[in-house]
Amino acid sequence: MMVDPYRFSCASYEALDRAGVGWQAALHVLTAARPRIVRHVGAVLHIVGAVPDGRLLAVALIEEADDEYVVAGARWLDEDEAQPLHKLMERDGR
């Protein structure tokens, strides 16, 4: 059985609320959105993916232990940011 490597803390929910992002949207990007863009730099993991209505959401996570992450925040991408990322995701299909 695979254990979900993503965790939401009280601070996660507060950061998402301040950004106007529901936890369900962030969870969708983390677990179900395909294709998506994943970038891992040091202890920071960024994942960008589309929610069911087509908007792109960027979720930032911090690595707490090997392959275990806590959600630090998220934000909706504006159209200028989303357009090139849509093209990358279509091309790469990840």
PDB file of N, CA and C in Angstrom:
ATOM      1  N   MET A   1       0.830  -1.176   0.000  1.00  0.00           N
ATOM      2  CA  MET A   1       0.000   0.000   0.000  1.00  0.00           C
ATOM      3  C   MET A   1       0.881   1.248   0.000  1.00  0.00           C
ATOM      4  N   MET A   2       0.588   2.192  -0.921  1.00  0.00           N
ATOM      5  CA  MET A   2       1.368   3.421  -1.006  1.00  0.00           C
ATOM      6  C   MET A   2       0.818   4.462  -0.033  1.00  0.00           C
ATOM      7  N   VAL A   3       1.710   5.107   0.694  1.00  0.00           N
ATOM      8  CA  VAL A   3       1.327   6.151   1.629  1.00  0.00           C
ATOM      9  C   VAL A   3       1.470   7.494   0.921  1.00  0.00           C
ATOM     10  N   ASP A   4       0.485   8.373   1.092  1.00  0.00           N
ATOM     11  CA  ASP A   4       0.519   9.687   0.478  1.00  0.00           C
ATOM     12  C   ASP A   4       1.690  10.483   1.056  1.00  0.00           C
ATOM     13  N   PRO A   5       2.612  10.983   0.209  1.00  0.00           N
ATOM     14  CA  PRO A   5       3.775  11.700   0.721  1.00  0.00           C
ATOM     15  C   PRO A   5       3.496  13.163   1.070  1.00  0.00           C
ATOM     16  N   TYR A   6       2.262  13.625   0.859  1.00  0.00           N
ATOM     17  CA  TYR A   6       1.917  15.025   1.085  1.00  0.00           C
ATOM     18  C   TYR A   6       1.084  15.169   2.352  1.00  0.00           C
ATOM     19  N   ARG A   7       1.433  16.186   3.149  1.00  0.00           N
ATOM     20  CA  ARG A   7       0.731  16.418   4.409  1.00  0.00           C
ATOM     21  C   ARG A   7       0.283  17.874   4.475  1.00  0.00           C
ATOM     22  N   PHE A   8      -0.889  18.097   5.025  1.00  0.00           N
ATOM     23  CA  PHE A   8      -1.391  19.442   5.278  1.00  0.00           C
ATOM     24  C   PHE A   8      -1.326  19.692   6.780  1.00  0.00           C
ATOM     25  N   SER A   9      -0.721  20.812   7.177  1.00  0.00           N
ATOM     26  CA  SER A   9      -0.683  21.217   8.583  1.00  0.00           C
ATOM     27  C   SER A   9      -1.681  22.353   8.796  1.00  0.00           C
ATOM     28  N   CYS A  10      -1.835  22.786  10.023  1.00  0.00           N
ATOM     29  CA  CYS A  10      -2.699  23.950  10.293  1.00  0.00           C
ATOM     30  C   CYS A  10      -2.190  25.156   9.508  1.00  0.00           C
ATOM     31  N   ALA A  11      -0.865  25.330   9.457  1.00  0.00           N
ATOM     32  CA  ALA A  11      -0.282  26.446   8.701  1.00  0.00           C
ATOM     33  C   ALA A  11      -0.581  26.309   7.210  1.00  0.00           C
ATOM     34  N   SER A  12      -0.658  25.077   6.713  1.00  0.00           N
ATOM     35  CA  SER A  12      -0.995  24.844   5.301  1.00  0.00           C
ATOM     36  C   SER A  12      -2.384  25.390   4.997  1.00  0.00           C
ATOM     37  N   TYR A  13      -3.346  25.015   5.827  1.00  0.00           N
ATOM     38  CA  TYR A  13      -4.727  25.454   5.610  1.00  0.00           C
ATOM     39  C   TYR A  13      -4.845  26.976   5.708  1.00  0.00           C
ATOM     40  N   GLU A  14      -4.110  27.579   6.633  1.00  0.00           N
ATOM     41  CA  GLU A  14      -4.133  29.033   6.774  1.00  0.00           C
ATOM     42  C   GLU A  14      -3.540  29.711   5.542  1.00  0.00           C
ATOM     43  N   ALA A  15      -2.420  29.188   5.039  1.00  0.00           N
ATOM     44  CA  ALA A  15      -1.783  29.770   3.846  1.00  0.00           C
ATOM     45  C   ALA A  15      -2.680  29.622   2.625  1.00  0.00           C
ATOM     46  N   LEU A  16      -3.303  28.471   2.474  1.00  0.00           N
ATOM     47  CA  LEU A  16      -4.218  28.269   1.350  1.00  0.00           C
ATOM     48  C   LEU A  16      -5.405  29.215   1.445  1.00  0.00           C
ATOM     49  N   ASP A  17      -5.941  29.378   2.637  1.00  0.00           N
ATOM     50  CA  ASP A  17      -7.080  30.270   2.828  1.00  0.00           C
ATOM     51  C   ASP A  17      -6.705  31.712   2.468  1.00  0.00           C
ATOM     52  N   ARG A  18      -5.530  32.164   2.913  1.00  0.00           N
ATOM     53  CA  ARG A  18      -5.085  33.528   2.585  1.00  0.00           C
ATOM     54  C   ARG A  18      -4.938  33.719   1.078  1.00  0.00           C
ATOM     55  N   ALA A  19      -4.571  32.664   0.362  1.00  0.00           N
ATOM     56  CA  ALA A  19      -4.376  32.744  -1.092  1.00  0.00           C
ATOM     57  C   ALA A  19      -5.667  32.511  -1.873  1.00  0.00           C
ATOM     58  N   GLY A  20      -6.746  32.211  -1.174  1.00  0.00           N
ATOM     59  CA  GLY A  20      -8.005  31.946  -1.864  1.00  0.00           C
ATOM     60  C   GLY A  20      -8.028  30.620  -2.593  1.00  0.00           C
ATOM     61  N   VAL A  21      -7.305  29.650  -2.045  1.00  0.00           N
ATOM     62  CA  VAL A  21      -7.201  28.319  -2.642  1.00  0.00           C
ATOM     63  C   VAL A  21      -7.793  27.305  -1.679  1.00  0.00           C
ATOM     64  N   GLY A  22      -8.739  26.515  -2.145  1.00  0.00           N
ATOM     65  CA  GLY A  22      -9.297  25.450  -1.321  1.00  0.00           C
ATOM     66  C   GLY A  22      -8.332  24.271  -1.225  1.00  0.00           C
ATOM     67  N   TRP A  23      -8.350  23.613  -0.084  1.00  0.00           N
ATOM     68  CA  TRP A  23      -7.449  22.467   0.080  1.00  0.00           C
ATOM     69  C   TRP A  23      -7.749  21.371  -0.933  1.00  0.00           C
ATOM     70  N   GLN A  24      -9.008  21.279  -1.370  1.00  0.00           N
ATOM     71  CA  GLN A  24      -9.383  20.259  -2.341  1.00  0.00           C
ATOM     72  C   GLN A  24      -8.684  20.502  -3.678  1.00  0.00           C
ATOM     73  N   ALA A  25      -8.548  21.774  -4.077  1.00  0.00           N
ATOM     74  CA  ALA A  25      -7.859  22.106  -5.328  1.00  0.00           C
ATOM     75  C   ALA A  25      -6.387  21.743  -5.231  1.00  0.00           C
ATOM     76  N   ALA A  26      -5.762  22.059  -4.098  1.00  0.00           N
ATOM     77  CA  ALA A  26      -4.348  21.717  -3.912  1.00  0.00           C
ATOM     78  C   ALA A  26      -4.165  20.201  -3.924  1.00  0.00           C
ATOM     79  N   LEU A  27      -5.038  19.491  -3.243  1.00  0.00           N
ATOM     80  CA  LEU A  27      -4.943  18.031  -3.220  1.00  0.00           C
ATOM     81  C   LEU A  27      -5.120  17.449  -4.620  1.00  0.00           C
ATOM     82  N   HIS A  28      -6.016  18.020  -5.411  1.00  0.00           N
ATOM     83  CA  HIS A  28      -6.211  17.551  -6.785  1.00  0.00           C
ATOM     84  C   HIS A  28      -4.923  17.684  -7.586  1.00  0.00           C
ATOM     85  N   VAL A  29      -4.262  18.840  -7.480  1.00  0.00           N
ATOM     86  CA  VAL A  29      -3.008  19.045  -8.214  1.00  0.00           C
ATOM     87  C   VAL A  29      -1.950  18.049  -7.751  1.00  0.00           C
ATOM     88  N   LEU A  30      -1.891  17.783  -6.455  1.00  0.00           N
ATOM     89  CA  LEU A  30      -0.871  16.886  -5.912  1.00  0.00           C
ATOM     90  C   LEU A  30      -1.095  15.430  -6.285  1.00  0.00           C
ATOM     91  N   THR A  31      -2.350  15.021  -6.421  1.00  0.00           N
ATOM     92  CA  THR A  31      -2.610  13.592  -6.573  1.00  0.00           C
ATOM     93  C   THR A  31      -3.233  13.167  -7.895  1.00  0.00           C
ATOM     94  N   ALA A  32      -3.937  14.062  -8.569  1.00  0.00           N
ATOM     95  CA  ALA A  32      -4.708  13.619  -9.731  1.00  0.00           C
ATOM     96  C   ALA A  32      -4.419  14.372 -11.026  1.00  0.00           C
ATOM     97  N   ALA A  33      -3.971  15.595 -10.954  1.00  0.00           N
ATOM     98  CA  ALA A  33      -3.793  16.405 -12.163  1.00  0.00           C
ATOM     99  C   ALA A  33      -2.721  15.813 -13.072  1.00  0.00           C
ATOM    100  N   ARG A  34      -3.075  15.617 -14.308  1.00  0.00           N
ATOM    101  CA  ARG A  34      -2.141  15.168 -15.345  1.00  0.00           C
ATOM    102  C   ARG A  34      -2.542  15.831 -16.645  1.00  0.00           C
ATOM    103  N   PRO A  35      -1.634  16.351 -17.413  1.00  0.00           N
ATOM    104  CA  PRO A  35      -0.210  16.475 -17.110  1.00  0.00           C
ATOM    105  C   PRO A  35       0.026  17.569 -16.075  1.00  0.00           C
ATOM    106  N   ARG A  36       1.237  17.601 -15.553  1.00  0.00           N
ATOM    107  CA  ARG A  36       1.628  18.613 -14.590  1.00  0.00           C
ATOM    108  C   ARG A  36       3.124  18.855 -14.694  1.00  0.00           C
ATOM    109  N   ILE A  37       3.570  19.931 -14.086  1.00  0.00           N
ATOM    110  CA  ILE A  37       4.996  20.273 -14.071  1.00  0.00           C
ATOM    111  C   ILE A  37       5.474  20.135 -12.634  1.00  0.00           C
ATOM    112  N   VAL A  38       6.557  19.382 -12.449  1.00  0.00           N
ATOM    113  CA  VAL A  38       7.119  19.149 -11.124  1.00  0.00           C
ATOM    114  C   VAL A  38       8.559  19.646 -11.123  1.00  0.00           C
ATOM    115  N   ARG A  39       8.876  20.476 -10.137  1.00  0.00           N
ATOM    116  CA  ARG A  39      10.242  21.005 -10.005  1.00  0.00           C
ATOM    117  C   ARG A  39      10.664  20.826  -8.558  1.00  0.00           C
ATOM    118  N   HIS A  40      11.795  20.147  -8.363  1.00  0.00           N
ATOM    119  CA  HIS A  40      12.310  19.884  -7.016  1.00  0.00           C
ATOM    120  C   HIS A  40      13.675  20.542  -6.911  1.00  0.00           C
ATOM    121  N   VAL A  41      13.779  21.549  -6.034  1.00  0.00           N
ATOM    122  CA  VAL A  41      15.030  22.272  -5.842  1.00  0.00           C
ATOM    123  C   VAL A  41      15.345  22.262  -4.355  1.00  0.00           C
ATOM    124  N   GLY A  42      16.396  21.549  -3.984  1.00  0.00           N
ATOM    125  CA  GLY A  42      16.734  21.439  -2.570  1.00  0.00           C
ATOM    126  C   GLY A  42      15.593  20.812  -1.805  1.00  0.00           C
ATOM    127  N   ALA A  43      15.139  21.493  -0.760  1.00  0.00           N
ATOM    128  CA  ALA A  43      14.051  20.980   0.072  1.00  0.00           C
ATOM    129  C   ALA A  43      12.686  21.493  -0.374  1.00  0.00           C
ATOM    130  N   VAL A  44      12.641  22.178  -1.518  1.00  0.00           N
ATOM    131  CA  VAL A  44      11.383  22.769  -1.999  1.00  0.00           C
ATOM    132  C   VAL A  44      10.883  22.001  -3.216  1.00  0.00           C
ATOM    133  N   LEU A  45       9.605  21.695  -3.206  1.00  0.00           N
ATOM    134  CA  LEU A  45       8.947  21.014  -4.316  1.00  0.00           C
ATOM    135  C   LEU A  45       7.825  21.912  -4.821  1.00  0.00           C
ATOM    136  N   HIS A  46       7.843  22.201  -6.127  1.00  0.00           N
ATOM    137  CA  HIS A  46       6.773  22.966  -6.770  1.00  0.00           C
ATOM    138  C   HIS A  46       6.056  22.041  -7.741  1.00  0.00           C
ATOM    139  N   ILE A  47       4.739  22.046  -7.683  1.00  0.00           N
ATOM    140  CA  ILE A  47       3.941  21.257  -8.617  1.00  0.00           C
ATOM    141  C   ILE A  47       2.868  22.174  -9.200  1.00  0.00           C
ATOM    142  N   VAL A  48       2.798  22.218 -10.527  1.00  0.00           N
ATOM    143  CA  VAL A  48       1.785  23.011 -11.220  1.00  0.00           C
ATOM    144  C   VAL A  48       0.910  22.058 -12.014  1.00  0.00           C
ATOM    145  N   GLY A  49      -0.385  22.217 -11.848  1.00  0.00           N
ATOM    146  CA  GLY A  49      -1.326  21.380 -12.585  1.00  0.00           C
ATOM    147  C   GLY A  49      -2.667  22.076 -12.699  1.00  0.00           C
ATOM    148  N   ALA A  50      -3.515  21.524 -13.534  1.00  0.00           N
ATOM    149  CA  ALA A  50      -4.844  22.098 -13.751  1.00  0.00           C
ATOM    150  C   ALA A  50      -5.858  21.450 -12.824  1.00  0.00           C
ATOM    151  N   VAL A  51      -6.761  22.274 -12.320  1.00  0.00           N
ATOM    152  CA  VAL A  51      -7.905  21.786 -11.571  1.00  0.00           C
ATOM    153  C   VAL A  51      -9.007  21.481 -12.588  1.00  0.00           C
ATOM    154  N   PRO A  52     -10.086  20.815 -12.175  1.00  0.00           N
ATOM    155  CA  PRO A  52     -11.107  20.403 -13.150  1.00  0.00           C
ATOM    156  C   PRO A  52     -11.674  21.520 -14.032  1.00  0.00           C
ATOM    157  N   ASP A  53     -11.716  22.762 -13.548  1.00  0.00           N
ATOM    158  CA  ASP A  53     -12.245  23.842 -14.398  1.00  0.00           C
ATOM    159  C   ASP A  53     -11.203  24.417 -15.354  1.00  0.00           C
ATOM    160  N   GLY A  54      -9.979  23.856 -15.353  1.00  0.00           N
ATOM    161  CA  GLY A  54      -8.951  24.254 -16.311  1.00  0.00           C
ATOM    162  C   GLY A  54      -7.951  25.272 -15.805  1.00  0.00           C
ATOM    163  N   ARG A  55      -8.224  25.918 -14.673  1.00  0.00           N
ATOM    164  CA  ARG A  55      -7.255  26.891 -14.142  1.00  0.00           C
ATOM    165  C   ARG A  55      -6.015  26.165 -13.642  1.00  0.00           C
ATOM    166  N   LEU A  56      -4.853  26.846 -13.780  1.00  0.00           N
ATOM    167  CA  LEU A  56      -3.608  26.272 -13.290  1.00  0.00           C
ATOM    168  C   LEU A  56      -3.339  26.749 -11.869  1.00  0.00           C
ATOM    169  N   LEU A  57      -2.930  25.806 -11.045  1.00  0.00           N
ATOM    170  CA  LEU A  57      -2.609  26.072  -9.653  1.00  0.00           C
ATOM    171  C   LEU A  57      -1.183  25.616  -9.392  1.00  0.00           C
ATOM    172  N   ALA A  58      -0.396  26.483  -8.757  1.00  0.00           N
ATOM    173  CA  ALA A  58       0.966  26.146  -8.337  1.00  0.00           C
ATOM    174  C   ALA A  58       0.944  25.865  -6.847  1.00  0.00           C
ATOM    175  N   VAL A  59       1.435  24.701  -6.459  1.00  0.00           N
ATOM    176  CA  VAL A  59       1.480  24.302  -5.051  1.00  0.00           C
ATOM    177  C   VAL A  59       2.943  24.183  -4.641  1.00  0.00           C
ATOM    178  N   ALA A  60       3.290  24.798  -3.515  1.00  0.00           N
ATOM    179  CA  ALA A  60       4.651  24.738  -2.986  1.00  0.00           C
ATOM    180  C   ALA A  60       4.659  23.865  -1.734  1.00  0.00           C
ATOM    181  N   LEU A  61       5.673  23.007  -1.660  1.00  0.00           N
ATOM    182  CA  LEU A  61       5.800  22.104  -0.522  1.00  0.00           C
ATOM    183  C   LEU A  61       7.234  22.138  -0.004  1.00  0.00           C
ATOM    184  N   ILE A  62       7.393  21.804   1.264  1.00  0.00           N
ATOM    185  CA  ILE A  62       8.700  21.714   1.895  1.00  0.00           C
ATOM    186  C   ILE A  62       8.933  20.262   2.289  1.00  0.00           C
ATOM    187  N   GLU A  63      10.122  19.751   1.964  1.00  0.00           N
ATOM    188  CA  GLU A  63      10.454  18.368   2.316  1.00  0.00           C
ATOM    189  C   GLU A  63      10.808  18.288   3.798  1.00  0.00           C
ATOM    190  N   GLU A  64      10.077  17.444   4.517  1.00  0.00           N
ATOM    191  CA  GLU A  64      10.320  17.260   5.951  1.00  0.00           C
ATOM    192  C   GLU A  64      11.265  16.088   6.213  1.00  0.00           C
ATOM    193  N   ALA A  65      11.138  15.062   5.421  1.00  0.00           N
ATOM    194  CA  ALA A  65      11.976  13.864   5.488  1.00  0.00           C
ATOM    195  C   ALA A  65      12.058  13.336   4.062  1.00  0.00           C
ATOM    196  N   ASP A  66      12.833  12.293   3.838  1.00  0.00           N
ATOM    197  CA  ASP A  66      12.960  11.756   2.491  1.00  0.00           C
ATOM    198  C   ASP A  66      11.589  11.452   1.909  1.00  0.00           C
ATOM    199  N   ASP A  67      11.261  12.130   0.813  1.00  0.00           N
ATOM    200  CA  ASP A  67      10.013  11.928   0.083  1.00  0.00           C
ATOM    201  C   ASP A  67       8.759  12.133   0.927  1.00  0.00           C
ATOM    202  N   GLU A  68       8.838  13.006   1.926  1.00  0.00           N
ATOM    203  CA  GLU A  68       7.683  13.393   2.718  1.00  0.00           C
ATOM    204  C   GLU A  68       7.626  14.908   2.755  1.00  0.00           C
ATOM    205  N   TYR A  69       6.470  15.469   2.353  1.00  0.00           N
ATOM    206  CA  TYR A  69       6.354  16.908   2.148  1.00  0.00           C
ATOM    207  C   TYR A  69       5.160  17.483   2.890  1.00  0.00           C
ATOM    208  N   VAL A  70       5.312  18.731   3.365  1.00  0.00           N
ATOM    209  CA  VAL A  70       4.199  19.476   3.952  1.00  0.00           C
ATOM    210  C   VAL A  70       3.874  20.628   2.996  1.00  0.00           C
ATOM    211  N   VAL A  71       2.596  20.843   2.771  1.00  0.00           N
ATOM    212  CA  VAL A  71       2.156  21.916   1.886  1.00  0.00           C
ATOM    213  C   VAL A  71       2.452  23.252   2.563  1.00  0.00           C
ATOM    214  N   ALA A  72       3.179  24.129   1.840  1.00  0.00           N
ATOM    215  CA  ALA A  72       3.530  25.447   2.380  1.00  0.00           C
ATOM    216  C   ALA A  72       2.595  26.528   1.871  1.00  0.00           C
ATOM    217  N   GLY A  73       2.012  26.319   0.703  1.00  0.00           N
ATOM    218  CA  GLY A  73       1.110  27.311   0.136  1.00  0.00           C
ATOM    219  C   GLY A  73       0.797  26.985  -1.311  1.00  0.00           C
ATOM    220  N   ALA A  74      -0.017  27.838  -1.911  1.00  0.00           N
ATOM    221  CA  ALA A  74      -0.390  27.651  -3.312  1.00  0.00           C
ATOM    222  C   ALA A  74      -0.901  28.982  -3.847  1.00  0.00           C
ATOM    223  N   ARG A  75      -0.921  29.090  -5.167  1.00  0.00           N
ATOM    224  CA  ARG A  75      -1.494  30.286  -5.776  1.00  0.00           C
ATOM    225  C   ARG A  75      -1.981  29.961  -7.175  1.00  0.00           C
ATOM    226  N   TRP A  76      -3.020  30.692  -7.576  1.00  0.00           N
ATOM    227  CA  TRP A  76      -3.560  30.560  -8.924  1.00  0.00           C
ATOM    228  C   TRP A  76      -2.653  31.313  -9.875  1.00  0.00           C
ATOM    229  N   LEU A  77      -2.373  30.732 -11.037  1.00  0.00           N
ATOM    230  CA  LEU A  77      -1.554  31.407 -12.038  1.00  0.00           C
ATOM    231  C   LEU A  77      -2.448  32.283 -12.907  1.00  0.00           C
ATOM    232  N   ASP A  78      -1.947  33.486 -13.225  1.00  0.00           N
ATOM    233  CA  ASP A  78      -2.717  34.338 -14.129  1.00  0.00           C
ATOM    234  C   ASP A  78      -2.496  33.859 -15.566  1.00  0.00           C
ATOM    235  N   GLU A  79      -3.255  34.404 -16.485  1.00  0.00           N
ATOM    236  CA  GLU A  79      -3.219  33.929 -17.874  1.00  0.00           C
ATOM    237  C   GLU A  79      -1.836  34.070 -18.504  1.00  0.00           C
ATOM    238  N   ASP A  80      -1.109  35.157 -18.184  1.00  0.00           N
ATOM    239  CA  ASP A  80       0.230  35.352 -18.740  1.00  0.00           C
ATOM    240  C   ASP A  80       1.196  34.268 -18.263  1.00  0.00           C
ATOM    241  N   GLU A  81       1.049  33.828 -17.034  1.00  0.00           N
ATOM    242  CA  GLU A  81       1.888  32.749 -16.503  1.00  0.00           C
ATOM    243  C   GLU A  81       1.432  31.393 -17.019  1.00  0.00           C
ATOM    244  N   ALA A  82       0.127  31.217 -17.128  1.00  0.00           N
ATOM    245  CA  ALA A  82      -0.434  29.910 -17.468  1.00  0.00           C
ATOM    246  C   ALA A  82      -0.203  29.529 -18.925  1.00  0.00           C
ATOM    247  N   GLN A  83      -0.244  30.476 -19.829  1.00  0.00           N
ATOM    248  CA  GLN A  83      -0.165  30.166 -21.262  1.00  0.00           C
ATOM    249  C   GLN A  83       1.089  29.360 -21.631  1.00  0.00           C
ATOM    250  N   PRO A  84       2.300  29.812 -21.264  1.00  0.00           N
ATOM    251  CA  PRO A  84       3.475  29.006 -21.638  1.00  0.00           C
ATOM    252  C   PRO A  84       3.529  27.652 -20.921  1.00  0.00           C
ATOM    253  N   LEU A  85       2.983  27.595 -19.695  1.00  0.00           N
ATOM    254  CA  LEU A  85       2.998  26.329 -18.965  1.00  0.00           C
ATOM    255  C   LEU A  85       2.032  25.328 -19.578  1.00  0.00           C
ATOM    256  N   HIS A  86       0.895  25.805 -20.073  1.00  0.00           N
ATOM    257  CA  HIS A  86      -0.033  24.919 -20.793  1.00  0.00           C
ATOM    258  C   HIS A  86       0.685  24.297 -21.989  1.00  0.00           C
ATOM    259  N   LYS A  87       1.460  25.105 -22.708  1.00  0.00           N
ATOM    260  CA  LYS A  87       2.193  24.597 -23.877  1.00  0.00           C
ATOM    261  C   LYS A  87       3.225  23.553 -23.463  1.00  0.00           C
ATOM    262  N   LEU A  88       3.951  23.814 -22.381  1.00  0.00           N
ATOM    263  CA  LEU A  88       4.933  22.840 -21.890  1.00  0.00           C
ATOM    264  C   LEU A  88       4.269  21.527 -21.503  1.00  0.00           C
ATOM    265  N   MET A  89       3.151  21.616 -20.812  1.00  0.00           N
ATOM    266  CA  MET A  89       2.461  20.399 -20.374  1.00  0.00           C
ATOM    267  C   MET A  89       1.908  19.617 -21.551  1.00  0.00           C
ATOM    268  N   GLU A  90       1.413  20.310 -22.571  1.00  0.00           N
ATOM    269  CA  GLU A  90       0.923  19.619 -23.767  1.00  0.00           C
ATOM    270  C   GLU A  90       2.063  18.900 -24.476  1.00  0.00           C
ATOM    271  N   ARG A  91       3.204  19.533 -24.527  1.00  0.00           N
ATOM    272  CA  ARG A  91       4.359  18.958 -25.213  1.00  0.00           C
ATOM    273  C   ARG A  91       4.934  17.749 -24.444  1.00  0.00           C
ATOM    274  N   ASP A  92       5.107  17.933 -23.130  1.00  0.00           N
ATOM    275  CA  ASP A  92       5.734  16.889 -22.328  1.00  0.00           C
ATOM    276  C   ASP A  92       4.763  15.789 -21.923  1.00  0.00           C
ATOM    277  N   GLY A  93       3.511  16.142 -21.686  1.00  0.00           N
ATOM    278  CA  GLY A  93       2.494  15.151 -21.343  1.00  0.00           C
ATOM    279  C   GLY A  93       2.720  14.406 -20.060  1.00  0.00           C
ATOM    280  N   ARG A  94       3.391  15.051 -19.066  1.00  0.00           N
ATOM    281  CA  ARG A  94       3.652  14.367 -17.788  1.00  0.00           C
ATOM    282  C   ARG A  94       2.533  14.556 -16.840  1.00  0.00           C
TER     283      ARG A  94
END
